[in-house]
Amino acid sequence: MDTRTKYQKARDALGMSDYQVAKAAGVPESTLYDWLGRMEEKPYLTMSVPNMLKVAQALGVTLDQIVGDVN
């Protein structure tokens, strides 16, 4: 499962929107939207690890559950 799908699954399990995730994580909406938007065209570009950790924490999952093992 790819990173975007894992993120969406965790978000949807909580019934949250991307806006709500960004606010709960304390990251700018644009940072989250940029990360999600460019994942398809440039999956090697990502947001900073501290911001990714904040997003994972807001979703109640570990960072590894979002980005780990993306075969």
N, C-alpha and C. Protein backbone atom coordinates (compact mmCIF):
# COMPACT_ATOMS: atom_id res chain seq x y z
N MET A 1 0.85 -1.18 0.00
CA MET A 1 0.00 0.00 0.00
C MET A 1 0.90 1.24 0.00
N ASP A 2 0.58 2.21 -0.83
CA ASP A 2 1.42 3.41 -0.90
C ASP A 2 1.11 4.38 0.24
N THR A 3 2.00 5.35 0.40
CA THR A 3 1.89 6.32 1.49
C THR A 3 0.58 7.09 1.44
N ARG A 4 0.19 7.54 0.28
CA ARG A 4 -1.04 8.33 0.16
C ARG A 4 -2.25 7.51 0.61
N THR A 5 -2.32 6.26 0.19
CA THR A 5 -3.44 5.39 0.57
C THR A 5 -3.45 5.14 2.07
N LYS A 6 -2.26 4.91 2.65
CA LYS A 6 -2.20 4.69 4.10
C LYS A 6 -2.63 5.93 4.86
N TYR A 7 -2.19 7.09 4.39
CA TYR A 7 -2.61 8.35 5.01
C TYR A 7 -4.13 8.49 4.94
N GLN A 8 -4.70 8.28 3.76
CA GLN A 8 -6.15 8.45 3.56
C GLN A 8 -6.94 7.46 4.40
N LYS A 9 -6.45 6.25 4.51
CA LYS A 9 -7.13 5.23 5.32
C LYS A 9 -7.17 5.65 6.79
N ALA A 10 -6.03 6.12 7.30
CA ALA A 10 -5.97 6.57 8.69
C ALA A 10 -6.86 7.79 8.92
N ARG A 11 -6.84 8.73 7.98
CA ARG A 11 -7.67 9.93 8.06
C ARG A 11 -9.15 9.57 8.04
N ASP A 12 -9.52 8.72 7.10
CA ASP A 12 -10.93 8.33 6.96
C ASP A 12 -11.44 7.55 8.16
N ALA A 13 -10.57 6.76 8.78
CA ALA A 13 -10.96 5.99 9.96
C ALA A 13 -11.40 6.92 11.10
N LEU A 14 -10.84 8.13 11.10
CA LEU A 14 -11.20 9.11 12.13
C LEU A 14 -12.29 10.07 11.66
N GLY A 15 -12.69 9.93 10.40
CA GLY A 15 -13.71 10.83 9.86
C GLY A 15 -13.23 12.26 9.72
N MET A 16 -11.95 12.42 9.44
CA MET A 16 -11.37 13.76 9.34
C MET A 16 -11.17 14.16 7.89
N SER A 17 -11.15 15.46 7.67
CA SER A 17 -10.79 16.01 6.36
C SER A 17 -9.30 16.36 6.40
N ASP A 18 -8.72 16.63 5.24
CA ASP A 18 -7.33 17.07 5.21
C ASP A 18 -7.15 18.35 6.00
N TYR A 19 -8.12 19.23 5.90
CA TYR A 19 -8.09 20.49 6.66
C TYR A 19 -8.00 20.19 8.17
N GLN A 20 -8.83 19.27 8.63
CA GLN A 20 -8.85 18.94 10.06
C GLN A 20 -7.54 18.29 10.50
N VAL A 21 -6.98 17.46 9.64
CA VAL A 21 -5.69 16.84 9.96
C VAL A 21 -4.60 17.91 10.09
N ALA A 22 -4.56 18.82 9.14
CA ALA A 22 -3.56 19.89 9.18
C ALA A 22 -3.69 20.70 10.46
N LYS A 23 -4.91 21.07 10.81
CA LYS A 23 -5.13 21.86 12.02
C LYS A 23 -4.74 21.08 13.27
N ALA A 24 -5.15 19.80 13.34
CA ALA A 24 -4.83 18.98 14.51
C ALA A 24 -3.33 18.75 14.63
N ALA A 25 -2.65 18.67 13.51
CA ALA A 25 -1.21 18.43 13.51
C ALA A 25 -0.42 19.72 13.74
N GLY A 26 -1.06 20.85 13.52
CA GLY A 26 -0.36 22.12 13.68
C GLY A 26 0.59 22.41 12.54
N VAL A 27 0.26 21.89 11.35
CA VAL A 27 1.06 22.17 10.17
C VAL A 27 0.24 23.02 9.21
N PRO A 28 0.88 23.86 8.44
CA PRO A 28 0.12 24.66 7.48
C PRO A 28 -0.63 23.76 6.49
N GLU A 29 -1.85 24.14 6.19
CA GLU A 29 -2.64 23.38 5.22
C GLU A 29 -1.87 23.21 3.92
N SER A 30 -1.20 24.26 3.49
CA SER A 30 -0.47 24.22 2.23
C SER A 30 0.62 23.14 2.25
N THR A 31 1.23 22.92 3.40
CA THR A 31 2.26 21.88 3.53
C THR A 31 1.65 20.51 3.29
N LEU A 32 0.51 20.25 3.91
CA LEU A 32 -0.16 18.96 3.74
C LEU A 32 -0.66 18.80 2.32
N TYR A 33 -1.28 19.83 1.77
CA TYR A 33 -1.81 19.75 0.41
C TYR A 33 -0.70 19.59 -0.61
N ASP A 34 0.42 20.28 -0.42
CA ASP A 34 1.56 20.13 -1.33
C ASP A 34 2.09 18.71 -1.29
N TRP A 35 2.21 18.16 -0.10
CA TRP A 35 2.71 16.80 0.07
C TRP A 35 1.79 15.80 -0.63
N LEU A 36 0.50 15.93 -0.40
CA LEU A 36 -0.46 15.02 -1.02
C LEU A 36 -0.54 15.21 -2.53
N GLY A 37 -0.49 16.45 -2.97
CA GLY A 37 -0.62 16.75 -4.38
C GLY A 37 0.54 16.30 -5.23
N ARG A 38 1.74 16.37 -4.68
CA ARG A 38 2.90 16.02 -5.49
C ARG A 38 3.32 14.57 -5.32
N MET A 39 2.62 13.83 -4.48
CA MET A 39 2.98 12.45 -4.22
C MET A 39 2.91 11.60 -5.49
N GLU A 40 1.95 11.87 -6.35
CA GLU A 40 1.81 11.07 -7.57
C GLU A 40 2.91 11.40 -8.58
N GLU A 41 3.20 12.67 -8.76
CA GLU A 41 4.17 13.04 -9.78
C GLU A 41 5.62 12.96 -9.30
N LYS A 42 5.84 13.22 -8.02
CA LYS A 42 7.20 13.21 -7.48
C LYS A 42 7.17 12.58 -6.08
N PRO A 43 6.97 11.26 -6.02
CA PRO A 43 6.81 10.61 -4.71
C PRO A 43 8.05 10.70 -3.82
N TYR A 44 9.19 11.03 -4.39
CA TYR A 44 10.41 11.15 -3.60
C TYR A 44 10.47 12.47 -2.83
N LEU A 45 9.63 13.44 -3.20
CA LEU A 45 9.56 14.70 -2.47
C LEU A 45 8.58 14.53 -1.31
N THR A 46 8.96 15.02 -0.19
CA THR A 46 8.10 14.83 0.97
C THR A 46 8.21 16.03 1.89
N MET A 47 7.34 16.07 2.86
CA MET A 47 7.44 17.13 3.86
C MET A 47 8.50 16.74 4.88
N SER A 48 8.86 17.65 5.73
CA SER A 48 9.91 17.38 6.71
C SER A 48 9.46 16.27 7.67
N VAL A 49 10.42 15.58 8.22
CA VAL A 49 10.12 14.50 9.16
C VAL A 49 9.35 15.03 10.38
N PRO A 50 9.74 16.17 10.96
CA PRO A 50 8.96 16.67 12.09
C PRO A 50 7.48 16.91 11.73
N ASN A 51 7.22 17.45 10.54
CA ASN A 51 5.82 17.67 10.14
C ASN A 51 5.11 16.36 9.86
N MET A 52 5.81 15.40 9.27
CA MET A 52 5.20 14.09 9.03
C MET A 52 4.86 13.41 10.35
N LEU A 53 5.73 13.57 11.33
CA LEU A 53 5.47 13.00 12.65
C LEU A 53 4.24 13.63 13.29
N LYS A 54 4.10 14.94 13.14
CA LYS A 54 2.92 15.64 13.67
C LYS A 54 1.64 15.13 13.01
N VAL A 55 1.68 14.90 11.72
CA VAL A 55 0.52 14.39 10.99
C VAL A 55 0.17 12.99 11.50
N ALA A 56 1.18 12.14 11.63
CA ALA A 56 0.94 10.78 12.14
C ALA A 56 0.34 10.83 13.54
N GLN A 57 0.87 11.67 14.39
CA GLN A 57 0.35 11.79 15.75
C GLN A 57 -1.09 12.29 15.75
N ALA A 58 -1.41 13.22 14.88
CA ALA A 58 -2.78 13.73 14.79
C ALA A 58 -3.74 12.62 14.36
N LEU A 59 -3.22 11.66 13.60
CA LEU A 59 -4.05 10.54 13.14
C LEU A 59 -4.02 9.36 14.11
N GLY A 60 -3.21 9.47 15.15
CA GLY A 60 -3.14 8.40 16.14
C GLY A 60 -2.41 7.16 15.64
N VAL A 61 -1.47 7.35 14.71
CA VAL A 61 -0.68 6.24 14.18
C VAL A 61 0.79 6.60 14.27
N THR A 62 1.62 5.63 14.04
CA THR A 62 3.06 5.90 14.02
C THR A 62 3.46 6.38 12.63
N LEU A 63 4.60 7.01 12.56
CA LEU A 63 5.12 7.46 11.27
C LEU A 63 5.34 6.26 10.35
N ASP A 64 5.82 5.17 10.92
CA ASP A 64 6.05 3.97 10.12
C ASP A 64 4.76 3.43 9.52
N GLN A 65 3.64 3.59 10.21
CA GLN A 65 2.37 3.13 9.67
C GLN A 65 1.94 3.95 8.46
N ILE A 66 2.44 5.16 8.34
CA ILE A 66 2.10 6.02 7.20
C ILE A 66 3.10 5.86 6.07
N VAL A 67 4.38 5.85 6.37
CA VAL A 67 5.38 5.87 5.30
C VAL A 67 6.21 4.61 5.18
N GLY A 68 6.12 3.71 6.14
CA GLY A 68 6.96 2.53 6.11
C GLY A 68 6.52 1.49 5.09
N ASP A 69 7.48 0.74 4.57
CA ASP A 69 7.24 -0.39 3.66
C ASP A 69 6.26 -0.07 2.55
N VAL A 70 6.64 0.82 1.67
CA VAL A 70 5.75 1.26 0.59
C VAL A 70 6.06 0.54 -0.73
N ASN A 71 6.13 -0.76 -0.67
CA ASN A 71 6.41 -1.56 -1.87
C ASN A 71 5.29 -1.47 -2.87
